[in-house]
ModelCIF file with pLDDT and N, C-alpha, C, O atoms, coordinates in Angstrom:
data_MODEL
#
_entry.id   MODEL 
#
_entity.id                         1 
_entity.type                       polymer 
_entity.pdbx_number_of_molecules   1 
#
_entity_poly.entity_id                      1 
_entity_poly.type                           'polypeptide(L)' 
_entity_poly.nstd_linkage                   no 
_entity_poly.nstd_monomer                   no 
_entity_poly.pdbx_seq_one_letter_code       KTSEGVPPELLSQFPILEEALQAMGVMVWPMVEFEADDALASAAAKAA 
_entity_poly.pdbx_seq_one_letter_code_can   KTSEGVPPELLSQFPILEEALQAMGVMVWPMVEFEADDALASAAAKAA 
_entity_poly.pdbx_strand_id                 A 
#
loop_
_entity_poly_seq.entity_id 
_entity_poly_seq.num 
_entity_poly_seq.mon_id 
_entity_poly_seq.hetero 
1 1  LYS n 
1 2  THR n 
1 3  SER n 
1 4  GLU n 
1 5  GLY n 
1 6  VAL n 
1 7  PRO n 
1 8  PRO n 
1 9  GLU n 
1 10 LEU n 
1 11 LEU n 
1 12 SER n 
1 13 GLN n 
1 14 PHE n 
1 15 PRO n 
1 16 ILE n 
1 17 LEU n 
1 18 GLU n 
1 19 GLU n 
1 20 ALA n 
1 21 LEU n 
1 22 GLN n 
1 23 ALA n 
1 24 MET n 
1 25 GLY n 
1 26 VAL n 
1 27 MET n 
1 28 VAL n 
1 29 TRP n 
1 30 PRO n 
1 31 MET n 
1 32 VAL n 
1 33 GLU n 
1 34 PHE n 
1 35 GLU n 
1 36 ALA n 
1 37 ASP n 
1 38 ASP n 
1 39 ALA n 
1 40 LEU n 
1 41 ALA n 
1 42 SER n 
1 43 ALA n 
1 44 ALA n 
1 45 ALA n 
1 46 LYS n 
1 47 ALA n 
1 48 ALA n 
#
_struct_asym.id          A 
_struct_asym.entity_id   1 
#
loop_
_ma_qa_metric.id 
_ma_qa_metric.mode 
_ma_qa_metric.name 
_ma_qa_metric.software_group_id 
_ma_qa_metric.type 
1 global pLDDT . pLDDT 
2 local  pLDDT . pLDDT 
#
_ma_qa_metric_global.metric_id      1 
_ma_qa_metric_global.metric_value   88.52 
_ma_qa_metric_global.model_id       1 
_ma_qa_metric_global.ordinal_id     1 
#
loop_
_ma_qa_metric_local.label_asym_id 
_ma_qa_metric_local.label_comp_id 
_ma_qa_metric_local.label_seq_id 
_ma_qa_metric_local.metric_id 
_ma_qa_metric_local.metric_value 
_ma_qa_metric_local.model_id 
_ma_qa_metric_local.ordinal_id 
A LYS 1  2 76.00 1 1  
A THR 2  2 77.00 1 2  
A SER 3  2 79.00 1 3  
A GLU 4  2 80.00 1 4  
A GLY 5  2 82.00 1 5  
A VAL 6  2 85.00 1 6  
A PRO 7  2 90.00 1 7  
A PRO 8  2 89.00 1 8  
A GLU 9  2 93.00 1 9  
A LEU 10 2 91.00 1 10 
A LEU 11 2 87.00 1 11 
A SER 12 2 90.00 1 12 
A GLN 13 2 92.00 1 13 
A PHE 14 2 87.00 1 14 
A PRO 15 2 88.00 1 15 
A ILE 16 2 93.00 1 16 
A LEU 17 2 92.00 1 17 
A GLU 18 2 91.00 1 18 
A GLU 19 2 94.00 1 19 
A ALA 20 2 96.00 1 20 
A LEU 21 2 94.00 1 21 
A GLN 22 2 95.00 1 22 
A ALA 23 2 97.00 1 23 
A MET 24 2 97.00 1 24 
A GLY 25 2 95.00 1 25 
A VAL 26 2 92.00 1 26 
A MET 27 2 85.00 1 27 
A VAL 28 2 86.00 1 28 
A TRP 29 2 80.00 1 29 
A PRO 30 2 77.00 1 30 
A MET 31 2 75.00 1 31 
A VAL 32 2 75.00 1 32 
A GLU 33 2 78.00 1 33 
A PHE 34 2 81.00 1 34 
A GLU 35 2 82.00 1 35 
A ALA 36 2 84.00 1 36 
A ASP 37 2 88.00 1 37 
A ASP 38 2 89.00 1 38 
A ALA 39 2 89.00 1 39 
A LEU 40 2 92.00 1 40 
A ALA 41 2 95.00 1 41 
A SER 42 2 94.00 1 42 
A ALA 43 2 94.00 1 43 
A ALA 44 2 96.00 1 44 
A ALA 45 2 97.00 1 45 
A LYS 46 2 96.00 1 46 
A ALA 47 2 97.00 1 47 
A ALA 48 2 97.00 1 48 
#
loop_
_atom_site.group_PDB 
_atom_site.id 
_atom_site.type_symbol 
_atom_site.label_atom_id 
_atom_site.label_alt_id 
_atom_site.label_comp_id 
_atom_site.label_asym_id 
_atom_site.label_entity_id 
_atom_site.label_seq_id 
_atom_site.pdbx_PDB_ins_code 
_atom_site.Cartn_x 
_atom_site.Cartn_y 
_atom_site.Cartn_z 
_atom_site.occupancy 
_atom_site.B_iso_or_equiv 
_atom_site.pdbx_formal_charge 
_atom_site.auth_seq_id 
_atom_site.auth_comp_id 
_atom_site.auth_asym_id 
_atom_site.auth_atom_id 
_atom_site.pdbx_PDB_model_num 
ATOM 1   N N  . LYS A 1 1  ? 92.007  109.434 97.305 1.00 76.00 ? 1  LYS A N  1 
ATOM 2   C CA . LYS A 1 1  ? 92.309  110.158 96.061 1.00 76.00 ? 1  LYS A CA 1 
ATOM 3   C C  . LYS A 1 1  ? 91.310  109.844 94.948 1.00 76.00 ? 1  LYS A C  1 
ATOM 4   O O  . LYS A 1 1  ? 90.811  108.726 94.825 1.00 76.00 ? 1  LYS A O  1 
ATOM 5   N N  . THR A 1 2  ? 91.042  110.856 94.156 1.00 77.00 ? 2  THR A N  1 
ATOM 6   C CA . THR A 1 2  ? 90.134  110.724 93.020 1.00 77.00 ? 2  THR A CA 1 
ATOM 7   C C  . THR A 1 2  ? 90.769  111.424 91.818 1.00 77.00 ? 2  THR A C  1 
ATOM 8   O O  . THR A 1 2  ? 91.878  111.951 91.902 1.00 77.00 ? 2  THR A O  1 
ATOM 9   N N  . SER A 1 3  ? 90.060  111.417 90.725 1.00 79.00 ? 3  SER A N  1 
ATOM 10  C CA . SER A 1 3  ? 90.541  112.121 89.535 1.00 79.00 ? 3  SER A CA 1 
ATOM 11  C C  . SER A 1 3  ? 90.062  113.578 89.520 1.00 79.00 ? 3  SER A C  1 
ATOM 12  O O  . SER A 1 3  ? 90.214  114.282 88.522 1.00 79.00 ? 3  SER A O  1 
ATOM 13  N N  . GLU A 1 4  ? 89.483  114.013 90.638 1.00 80.00 ? 4  GLU A N  1 
ATOM 14  C CA . GLU A 1 4  ? 89.029  115.404 90.721 1.00 80.00 ? 4  GLU A CA 1 
ATOM 15  C C  . GLU A 1 4  ? 90.202  116.344 90.465 1.00 80.00 ? 4  GLU A C  1 
ATOM 16  O O  . GLU A 1 4  ? 91.274  116.194 91.051 1.00 80.00 ? 4  GLU A O  1 
ATOM 17  N N  . GLY A 1 5  ? 89.985  117.293 89.601 1.00 82.00 ? 5  GLY A N  1 
ATOM 18  C CA . GLY A 1 5  ? 91.024  118.254 89.280 1.00 82.00 ? 5  GLY A CA 1 
ATOM 19  C C  . GLY A 1 5  ? 91.882  117.870 88.081 1.00 82.00 ? 5  GLY A C  1 
ATOM 20  O O  . GLY A 1 5  ? 92.644  118.693 87.574 1.00 82.00 ? 5  GLY A O  1 
ATOM 21  N N  . VAL A 1 6  ? 91.763  116.616 87.622 1.00 85.00 ? 6  VAL A N  1 
ATOM 22  C CA . VAL A 1 6  ? 92.502  116.205 86.433 1.00 85.00 ? 6  VAL A CA 1 
ATOM 23  C C  . VAL A 1 6  ? 91.701  116.673 85.218 1.00 85.00 ? 6  VAL A C  1 
ATOM 24  O O  . VAL A 1 6  ? 90.518  116.351 85.103 1.00 85.00 ? 6  VAL A O  1 
ATOM 25  N N  . PRO A 1 7  ? 92.313  117.411 84.329 1.00 90.00 ? 7  PRO A N  1 
ATOM 26  C CA . PRO A 1 7  ? 91.570  117.931 83.174 1.00 90.00 ? 7  PRO A CA 1 
ATOM 27  C C  . PRO A 1 7  ? 90.921  116.811 82.357 1.00 90.00 ? 7  PRO A C  1 
ATOM 28  O O  . PRO A 1 7  ? 91.570  115.802 82.079 1.00 90.00 ? 7  PRO A O  1 
ATOM 29  N N  . PRO A 1 8  ? 89.659  116.969 81.971 1.00 89.00 ? 8  PRO A N  1 
ATOM 30  C CA . PRO A 1 8  ? 88.962  115.941 81.196 1.00 89.00 ? 8  PRO A CA 1 
ATOM 31  C C  . PRO A 1 8  ? 89.703  115.569 79.914 1.00 89.00 ? 8  PRO A C  1 
ATOM 32  O O  . PRO A 1 8  ? 89.678  114.415 79.486 1.00 89.00 ? 8  PRO A O  1 
ATOM 33  N N  . GLU A 1 9  ? 90.370  116.566 79.300 1.00 93.00 ? 9  GLU A N  1 
ATOM 34  C CA . GLU A 1 9  ? 91.093  116.258 78.064 1.00 93.00 ? 9  GLU A CA 1 
ATOM 35  C C  . GLU A 1 9  ? 92.277  115.321 78.319 1.00 93.00 ? 9  GLU A C  1 
ATOM 36  O O  . GLU A 1 9  ? 92.682  114.586 77.419 1.00 93.00 ? 9  GLU A O  1 
ATOM 37  N N  . LEU A 1 10 ? 92.835  115.336 79.525 1.00 91.00 ? 10 LEU A N  1 
ATOM 38  C CA . LEU A 1 10 ? 93.901  114.392 79.876 1.00 91.00 ? 10 LEU A CA 1 
ATOM 39  C C  . LEU A 1 10 ? 93.305  113.010 80.149 1.00 91.00 ? 10 LEU A C  1 
ATOM 40  O O  . LEU A 1 10 ? 93.811  112.007 79.645 1.00 91.00 ? 10 LEU A O  1 
ATOM 41  N N  . LEU A 1 11 ? 92.238  112.951 80.941 1.00 87.00 ? 11 LEU A N  1 
ATOM 42  C CA . LEU A 1 11 ? 91.586  111.670 81.235 1.00 87.00 ? 11 LEU A CA 1 
ATOM 43  C C  . LEU A 1 11 ? 91.133  110.958 79.964 1.00 87.00 ? 11 LEU A C  1 
ATOM 44  O O  . LEU A 1 11 ? 91.209  109.733 79.874 1.00 87.00 ? 11 LEU A O  1 
ATOM 45  N N  . SER A 1 12 ? 90.663  111.726 78.983 1.00 90.00 ? 12 SER A N  1 
ATOM 46  C CA . SER A 1 12 ? 90.161  111.122 77.750 1.00 90.00 ? 12 SER A CA 1 
ATOM 47  C C  . SER A 1 12 ? 91.278  110.506 76.907 1.00 90.00 ? 12 SER A C  1 
ATOM 48  O O  . SER A 1 12 ? 91.002  109.741 75.983 1.00 90.00 ? 12 SER A O  1 
ATOM 49  N N  . GLN A 1 13 ? 92.525  110.830 77.216 1.00 92.00 ? 13 GLN A N  1 
ATOM 50  C CA . GLN A 1 13 ? 93.648  110.301 76.444 1.00 92.00 ? 13 GLN A CA 1 
ATOM 51  C C  . GLN A 1 13 ? 94.106  108.914 76.913 1.00 92.00 ? 13 GLN A C  1 
ATOM 52  O O  . GLN A 1 13 ? 94.821  108.228 76.182 1.00 92.00 ? 13 GLN A O  1 
ATOM 53  N N  . PHE A 1 14 ? 93.712  108.498 78.104 1.00 87.00 ? 14 PHE A N  1 
ATOM 54  C CA . PHE A 1 14 ? 94.167  107.204 78.621 1.00 87.00 ? 14 PHE A CA 1 
ATOM 55  C C  . PHE A 1 14 ? 93.805  106.046 77.698 1.00 87.00 ? 14 PHE A C  1 
ATOM 56  O O  . PHE A 1 14 ? 94.681  105.241 77.383 1.00 87.00 ? 14 PHE A O  1 
ATOM 57  N N  . PRO A 1 15 ? 92.553  105.922 77.249 1.00 88.00 ? 15 PRO A N  1 
ATOM 58  C CA . PRO A 1 15 ? 92.225  104.805 76.346 1.00 88.00 ? 15 PRO A CA 1 
ATOM 59  C C  . PRO A 1 15 ? 93.029  104.845 75.038 1.00 88.00 ? 15 PRO A C  1 
ATOM 60  O O  . PRO A 1 15 ? 93.419  103.803 74.511 1.00 88.00 ? 15 PRO A O  1 
ATOM 61  N N  . ILE A 1 16 ? 93.269  106.040 74.529 1.00 93.00 ? 16 ILE A N  1 
ATOM 62  C CA . ILE A 1 16 ? 94.049  106.177 73.294 1.00 93.00 ? 16 ILE A CA 1 
ATOM 63  C C  . ILE A 1 16 ? 95.485  105.718 73.532 1.00 93.00 ? 16 ILE A C  1 
ATOM 64  O O  . ILE A 1 16 ? 96.066  105.025 72.697 1.00 93.00 ? 16 ILE A O  1 
ATOM 65  N N  . LEU A 1 17 ? 96.053  106.101 74.665 1.00 92.00 ? 17 LEU A N  1 
ATOM 66  C CA . LEU A 1 17 ? 97.409  105.684 75.004 1.00 92.00 ? 17 LEU A CA 1 
ATOM 67  C C  . LEU A 1 17 ? 97.487  104.166 75.157 1.00 92.00 ? 17 LEU A C  1 
ATOM 68  O O  . LEU A 1 17 ? 98.432  103.542 74.674 1.00 92.00 ? 17 LEU A O  1 
ATOM 69  N N  . GLU A 1 18 ? 96.499  103.569 75.828 1.00 91.00 ? 18 GLU A N  1 
ATOM 70  C CA . GLU A 1 18 ? 96.486  102.112 75.994 1.00 91.00 ? 18 GLU A CA 1 
ATOM 71  C C  . GLU A 1 18 ? 96.461  101.411 74.645 1.00 91.00 ? 18 GLU A C  1 
ATOM 72  O O  . GLU A 1 18 ? 97.182  100.435 74.440 1.00 91.00 ? 18 GLU A O  1 
ATOM 73  N N  . GLU A 1 19 ? 95.635  101.902 73.722 1.00 94.00 ? 19 GLU A N  1 
ATOM 74  C CA . GLU A 1 19 ? 95.569  101.307 72.376 1.00 94.00 ? 19 GLU A CA 1 
ATOM 75  C C  . GLU A 1 19 ? 96.900  101.442 71.647 1.00 94.00 ? 19 GLU A C  1 
ATOM 76  O O  . GLU A 1 19 ? 97.347  100.496 71.000 1.00 94.00 ? 19 GLU A O  1 
ATOM 77  N N  . ALA A 1 20 ? 97.532  102.594 71.742 1.00 96.00 ? 20 ALA A N  1 
ATOM 78  C CA . ALA A 1 20 ? 98.824  102.815 71.072 1.00 96.00 ? 20 ALA A CA 1 
ATOM 79  C C  . ALA A 1 20 ? 99.899  101.890 71.642 1.00 96.00 ? 20 ALA A C  1 
ATOM 80  O O  . ALA A 1 20 ? 100.692 101.318 70.895 1.00 96.00 ? 20 ALA A O  1 
ATOM 81  N N  . LEU A 1 21 ? 99.920  101.748 72.963 1.00 94.00 ? 21 LEU A N  1 
ATOM 82  C CA . LEU A 1 21 ? 100.903 100.863 73.589 1.00 94.00 ? 21 LEU A CA 1 
ATOM 83  C C  . LEU A 1 21 ? 100.686 99.412  73.163 1.00 94.00 ? 21 LEU A C  1 
ATOM 84  O O  . LEU A 1 21 ? 101.646 98.704  72.860 1.00 94.00 ? 21 LEU A O  1 
ATOM 85  N N  . GLN A 1 22 ? 99.436  98.973  73.141 1.00 95.00 ? 22 GLN A N  1 
ATOM 86  C CA . GLN A 1 22 ? 99.132  97.607  72.703 1.00 95.00 ? 22 GLN A CA 1 
ATOM 87  C C  . GLN A 1 22 ? 99.573  97.398  71.261 1.00 95.00 ? 22 GLN A C  1 
ATOM 88  O O  . GLN A 1 22 ? 100.112 96.343  70.928 1.00 95.00 ? 22 GLN A O  1 
ATOM 89  N N  . ALA A 1 23 ? 99.352  98.384  70.405 1.00 97.00 ? 23 ALA A N  1 
ATOM 90  C CA . ALA A 1 23 ? 99.759  98.276  69.002 1.00 97.00 ? 23 ALA A CA 1 
ATOM 91  C C  . ALA A 1 23 ? 101.277 98.148  68.876 1.00 97.00 ? 23 ALA A C  1 
ATOM 92  O O  . ALA A 1 23 ? 101.775 97.556  67.919 1.00 97.00 ? 23 ALA A O  1 
ATOM 93  N N  . MET A 1 24 ? 102.013 98.707  69.845 1.00 97.00 ? 24 MET A N  1 
ATOM 94  C CA . MET A 1 24 ? 103.474 98.613  69.841 1.00 97.00 ? 24 MET A CA 1 
ATOM 95  C C  . MET A 1 24 ? 103.956 97.291  70.441 1.00 97.00 ? 24 MET A C  1 
ATOM 96  O O  . MET A 1 24 ? 105.153 97.001  70.424 1.00 97.00 ? 24 MET A O  1 
ATOM 97  N N  . GLY A 1 25 ? 103.026 96.487  70.973 1.00 95.00 ? 25 GLY A N  1 
ATOM 98  C CA . GLY A 1 25 ? 103.411 95.221  71.583 1.00 95.00 ? 25 GLY A CA 1 
ATOM 99  C C  . GLY A 1 25 ? 103.689 95.296  73.067 1.00 95.00 ? 25 GLY A C  1 
ATOM 100 O O  . GLY A 1 25 ? 104.201 94.342  73.652 1.00 95.00 ? 25 GLY A O  1 
ATOM 101 N N  . VAL A 1 26 ? 103.355 96.427  73.687 1.00 92.00 ? 26 VAL A N  1 
ATOM 102 C CA . VAL A 1 26 ? 103.555 96.587  75.124 1.00 92.00 ? 26 VAL A CA 1 
ATOM 103 C C  . VAL A 1 26 ? 102.362 95.975  75.855 1.00 92.00 ? 26 VAL A C  1 
ATOM 104 O O  . VAL A 1 26 ? 101.209 96.208  75.490 1.00 92.00 ? 26 VAL A O  1 
ATOM 105 N N  . MET A 1 27 ? 102.657 95.181  76.903 1.00 85.00 ? 27 MET A N  1 
ATOM 106 C CA . MET A 1 27 ? 101.591 94.590  77.708 1.00 85.00 ? 27 MET A CA 1 
ATOM 107 C C  . MET A 1 27 ? 100.878 95.705  78.476 1.00 85.00 ? 27 MET A C  1 
ATOM 108 O O  . MET A 1 27 ? 101.518 96.491  79.174 1.00 85.00 ? 27 MET A O  1 
ATOM 109 N N  . VAL A 1 28 ? 99.577  95.767  78.346 1.00 86.00 ? 28 VAL A N  1 
ATOM 110 C CA . VAL A 1 28 ? 98.774  96.799  79.011 1.00 86.00 ? 28 VAL A CA 1 
ATOM 111 C C  . VAL A 1 28 ? 97.729  96.107  79.879 1.00 86.00 ? 28 VAL A C  1 
ATOM 112 O O  . VAL A 1 28 ? 97.013  95.214  79.428 1.00 86.00 ? 28 VAL A O  1 
ATOM 113 N N  . TRP A 1 29 ? 97.662  96.536  81.115 1.00 80.00 ? 29 TRP A N  1 
ATOM 114 C CA . TRP A 1 29 ? 96.618  96.064  82.016 1.00 80.00 ? 29 TRP A CA 1 
ATOM 115 C C  . TRP A 1 29 ? 95.744  97.266  82.346 1.00 80.00 ? 29 TRP A C  1 
ATOM 116 O O  . TRP A 1 29 ? 96.050  98.007  83.280 1.00 80.00 ? 29 TRP A O  1 
ATOM 117 N N  . PRO A 1 30 ? 94.664  97.475  81.600 1.00 77.00 ? 30 PRO A N  1 
ATOM 118 C CA . PRO A 1 30 ? 93.798  98.625  81.907 1.00 77.00 ? 30 PRO A CA 1 
ATOM 119 C C  . PRO A 1 30 ? 93.229  98.505  83.325 1.00 77.00 ? 30 PRO A C  1 
ATOM 120 O O  . PRO A 1 30 ? 92.734  97.448  83.717 1.00 77.00 ? 30 PRO A O  1 
ATOM 121 N N  . MET A 1 31 ? 93.306  99.570  84.064 1.00 75.00 ? 31 MET A N  1 
ATOM 122 C CA . MET A 1 31 ? 92.811  99.582  85.431 1.00 75.00 ? 31 MET A CA 1 
ATOM 123 C C  . MET A 1 31 ? 91.391  100.133 85.426 1.00 75.00 ? 31 MET A C  1 
ATOM 124 O O  . MET A 1 31 ? 91.167  101.324 85.211 1.00 75.00 ? 31 MET A O  1 
ATOM 125 N N  . VAL A 1 32 ? 90.437  99.232  85.670 1.00 75.00 ? 32 VAL A N  1 
ATOM 126 C CA . VAL A 1 32 ? 89.032  99.606  85.673 1.00 75.00 ? 32 VAL A CA 1 
ATOM 127 C C  . VAL A 1 32 ? 88.523  99.691  87.108 1.00 75.00 ? 32 VAL A C  1 
ATOM 128 O O  . VAL A 1 32 ? 87.955  100.704 87.515 1.00 75.00 ? 32 VAL A O  1 
ATOM 129 N N  . GLU A 1 33 ? 88.731  98.616  87.872 1.00 78.00 ? 33 GLU A N  1 
ATOM 130 C CA . GLU A 1 33 ? 88.292  98.600  89.269 1.00 78.00 ? 33 GLU A CA 1 
ATOM 131 C C  . GLU A 1 33 ? 89.448  98.834  90.229 1.00 78.00 ? 33 GLU A C  1 
ATOM 132 O O  . GLU A 1 33 ? 89.247  99.294  91.353 1.00 78.00 ? 33 GLU A O  1 
ATOM 133 N N  . PHE A 1 34 ? 90.649  98.520  89.787 1.00 81.00 ? 34 PHE A N  1 
ATOM 134 C CA . PHE A 1 34 ? 91.818  98.577  90.645 1.00 81.00 ? 34 PHE A CA 1 
ATOM 135 C C  . PHE A 1 34 ? 92.747  99.683  90.178 1.00 81.00 ? 34 PHE A C  1 
ATOM 136 O O  . PHE A 1 34 ? 92.494  100.330 89.162 1.00 81.00 ? 34 PHE A O  1 
ATOM 137 N N  . GLU A 1 35 ? 93.813  99.896  90.915 1.00 82.00 ? 35 GLU A N  1 
ATOM 138 C CA . GLU A 1 35 ? 94.742  100.970 90.608 1.00 82.00 ? 35 GLU A CA 1 
ATOM 139 C C  . GLU A 1 35 ? 96.059  100.406 90.105 1.00 82.00 ? 35 GLU A C  1 
ATOM 140 O O  . GLU A 1 35 ? 96.308  99.204  90.194 1.00 82.00 ? 35 GLU A O  1 
ATOM 141 N N  . ALA A 1 36 ? 96.894  101.280 89.579 1.00 84.00 ? 36 ALA A N  1 
ATOM 142 C CA . ALA A 1 36 ? 98.194  100.866 89.058 1.00 84.00 ? 36 ALA A CA 1 
ATOM 143 C C  . ALA A 1 36 ? 99.014  100.169 90.140 1.00 84.00 ? 36 ALA A C  1 
ATOM 144 O O  . ALA A 1 36 ? 99.727  99.208  89.850 1.00 84.00 ? 36 ALA A O  1 
ATOM 145 N N  . ASP A 1 37 ? 98.921  100.640 91.378 1.00 88.00 ? 37 ASP A N  1 
ATOM 146 C CA . ASP A 1 37 ? 99.650  99.991  92.475 1.00 88.00 ? 37 ASP A CA 1 
ATOM 147 C C  . ASP A 1 37 ? 99.256  98.525  92.609 1.00 88.00 ? 37 ASP A C  1 
ATOM 148 O O  . ASP A 1 37 ? 100.098 97.665  92.867 1.00 88.00 ? 37 ASP A O  1 
ATOM 149 N N  . ASP A 1 38 ? 97.969  98.253  92.430 1.00 89.00 ? 38 ASP A N  1 
ATOM 150 C CA . ASP A 1 38 ? 97.492  96.874  92.529 1.00 89.00 ? 38 ASP A CA 1 
ATOM 151 C C  . ASP A 1 38 ? 98.109  96.010  91.429 1.00 89.00 ? 38 ASP A C  1 
ATOM 152 O O  . ASP A 1 38 ? 98.505  94.871  91.676 1.00 89.00 ? 38 ASP A O  1 
ATOM 153 N N  . ALA A 1 39 ? 98.189  96.556  90.217 1.00 89.00 ? 39 ALA A N  1 
ATOM 154 C CA . ALA A 1 39 ? 98.784  95.825  89.100 1.00 89.00 ? 39 ALA A CA 1 
ATOM 155 C C  . ALA A 1 39 ? 100.273 95.615  89.327 1.00 89.00 ? 39 ALA A C  1 
ATOM 156 O O  . ALA A 1 39 ? 100.791 94.528  89.070 1.00 89.00 ? 39 ALA A O  1 
ATOM 157 N N  . LEU A 1 40 ? 100.968 96.644  89.805 1.00 92.00 ? 40 LEU A N  1 
ATOM 158 C CA . LEU A 1 40 ? 102.404 96.518  90.074 1.00 92.00 ? 40 LEU A CA 1 
ATOM 159 C C  . LEU A 1 40 ? 102.674 95.448  91.126 1.00 92.00 ? 40 LEU A C  1 
ATOM 160 O O  . LEU A 1 40 ? 103.583 94.634  90.964 1.00 92.00 ? 40 LEU A O  1 
ATOM 161 N N  . ALA A 1 41 ? 101.897 95.446  92.193 1.00 95.00 ? 41 ALA A N  1 
ATOM 162 C CA . ALA A 1 41 ? 102.084 94.461  93.255 1.00 95.00 ? 41 ALA A CA 1 
ATOM 163 C C  . ALA A 1 41 ? 101.805 93.047  92.750 1.00 95.00 ? 41 ALA A C  1 
ATOM 164 O O  . ALA A 1 41 ? 102.550 92.117  93.059 1.00 95.00 ? 41 ALA A O  1 
ATOM 165 N N  . SER A 1 42 ? 100.742 92.886  91.980 1.00 94.00 ? 42 SER A N  1 
ATOM 166 C CA . SER A 1 42 ? 100.403 91.570  91.430 1.00 94.00 ? 42 SER A CA 1 
ATOM 167 C C  . SER A 1 42 ? 101.473 91.074  90.467 1.00 94.00 ? 42 SER A C  1 
ATOM 168 O O  . SER A 1 42 ? 101.867 89.909  90.515 1.00 94.00 ? 42 SER A O  1 
ATOM 169 N N  . ALA A 1 43 ? 101.937 91.954  89.598 1.00 94.00 ? 43 ALA A N  1 
ATOM 170 C CA . ALA A 1 43 ? 102.975 91.573  88.636 1.00 94.00 ? 43 ALA A CA 1 
ATOM 171 C C  . ALA A 1 43 ? 104.276 91.216  89.350 1.00 94.00 ? 43 ALA A C  1 
ATOM 172 O O  . ALA A 1 43 ? 104.952 90.260  88.971 1.00 94.00 ? 43 ALA A O  1 
ATOM 173 N N  . ALA A 1 44 ? 104.624 91.975  90.374 1.00 96.00 ? 44 ALA A N  1 
ATOM 174 C CA . ALA A 1 44 ? 105.855 91.702  91.125 1.00 96.00 ? 44 ALA A CA 1 
ATOM 175 C C  . ALA A 1 44 ? 105.774 90.344  91.819 1.00 96.00 ? 44 ALA A C  1 
ATOM 176 O O  . ALA A 1 44 ? 106.734 89.574  91.790 1.00 96.00 ? 44 ALA A O  1 
ATOM 177 N N  . ALA A 1 45 ? 104.641 90.051  92.436 1.00 97.00 ? 45 ALA A N  1 
ATOM 178 C CA . ALA A 1 45 ? 104.480 88.766  93.124 1.00 97.00 ? 45 ALA A CA 1 
ATOM 179 C C  . ALA A 1 45 ? 104.556 87.608  92.141 1.00 97.00 ? 45 ALA A C  1 
ATOM 180 O O  . ALA A 1 45 ? 105.181 86.586  92.423 1.00 97.00 ? 45 ALA A O  1 
ATOM 181 N N  . LYS A 1 46 ? 103.923 87.768  90.995 1.00 96.00 ? 46 LYS A N  1 
ATOM 182 C CA . LYS A 1 46 ? 103.940 86.712  89.983 1.00 96.00 ? 46 LYS A CA 1 
ATOM 183 C C  . LYS A 1 46 ? 105.353 86.523  89.416 1.00 96.00 ? 46 LYS A C  1 
ATOM 184 O O  . LYS A 1 46 ? 105.817 85.392  89.274 1.00 96.00 ? 46 LYS A O  1 
ATOM 185 N N  . ALA A 1 47 ? 106.022 87.608  89.099 1.00 97.00 ? 47 ALA A N  1 
ATOM 186 C CA . ALA A 1 47 ? 107.370 87.520  88.540 1.00 97.00 ? 47 ALA A CA 1 
ATOM 187 C C  . ALA A 1 47 ? 108.349 86.901  89.534 1.00 97.00 ? 47 ALA A C  1 
ATOM 188 O O  . ALA A 1 47 ? 109.261 86.177  89.137 1.00 97.00 ? 47 ALA A O  1 
ATOM 189 N N  . ALA A 1 48 ? 108.164 87.183  90.823 1.00 97.00 ? 48 ALA A N  1 
ATOM 190 C CA . ALA A 1 48 ? 109.061 86.647  91.843 1.00 97.00 ? 48 ALA A CA 1 
ATOM 191 C C  . ALA A 1 48 ? 108.978 85.121  91.933 1.00 97.00 ? 48 ALA A C  1 
ATOM 192 O O  . ALA A 1 48 ? 109.673 84.512  92.745 1.00 97.00 ? 48 ALA A O  1 
#
């Protein structure tokens, strides 16, 4: 899977959303090399 077909205007909103969430105090793990699944699995293992 890739981001092919995802509108550029939607992709460009991810950094803005991450900044807004951080400003609200929500923990954000920006996915640069890895995917959300990787973060979920890592967080679950650590929390367990």
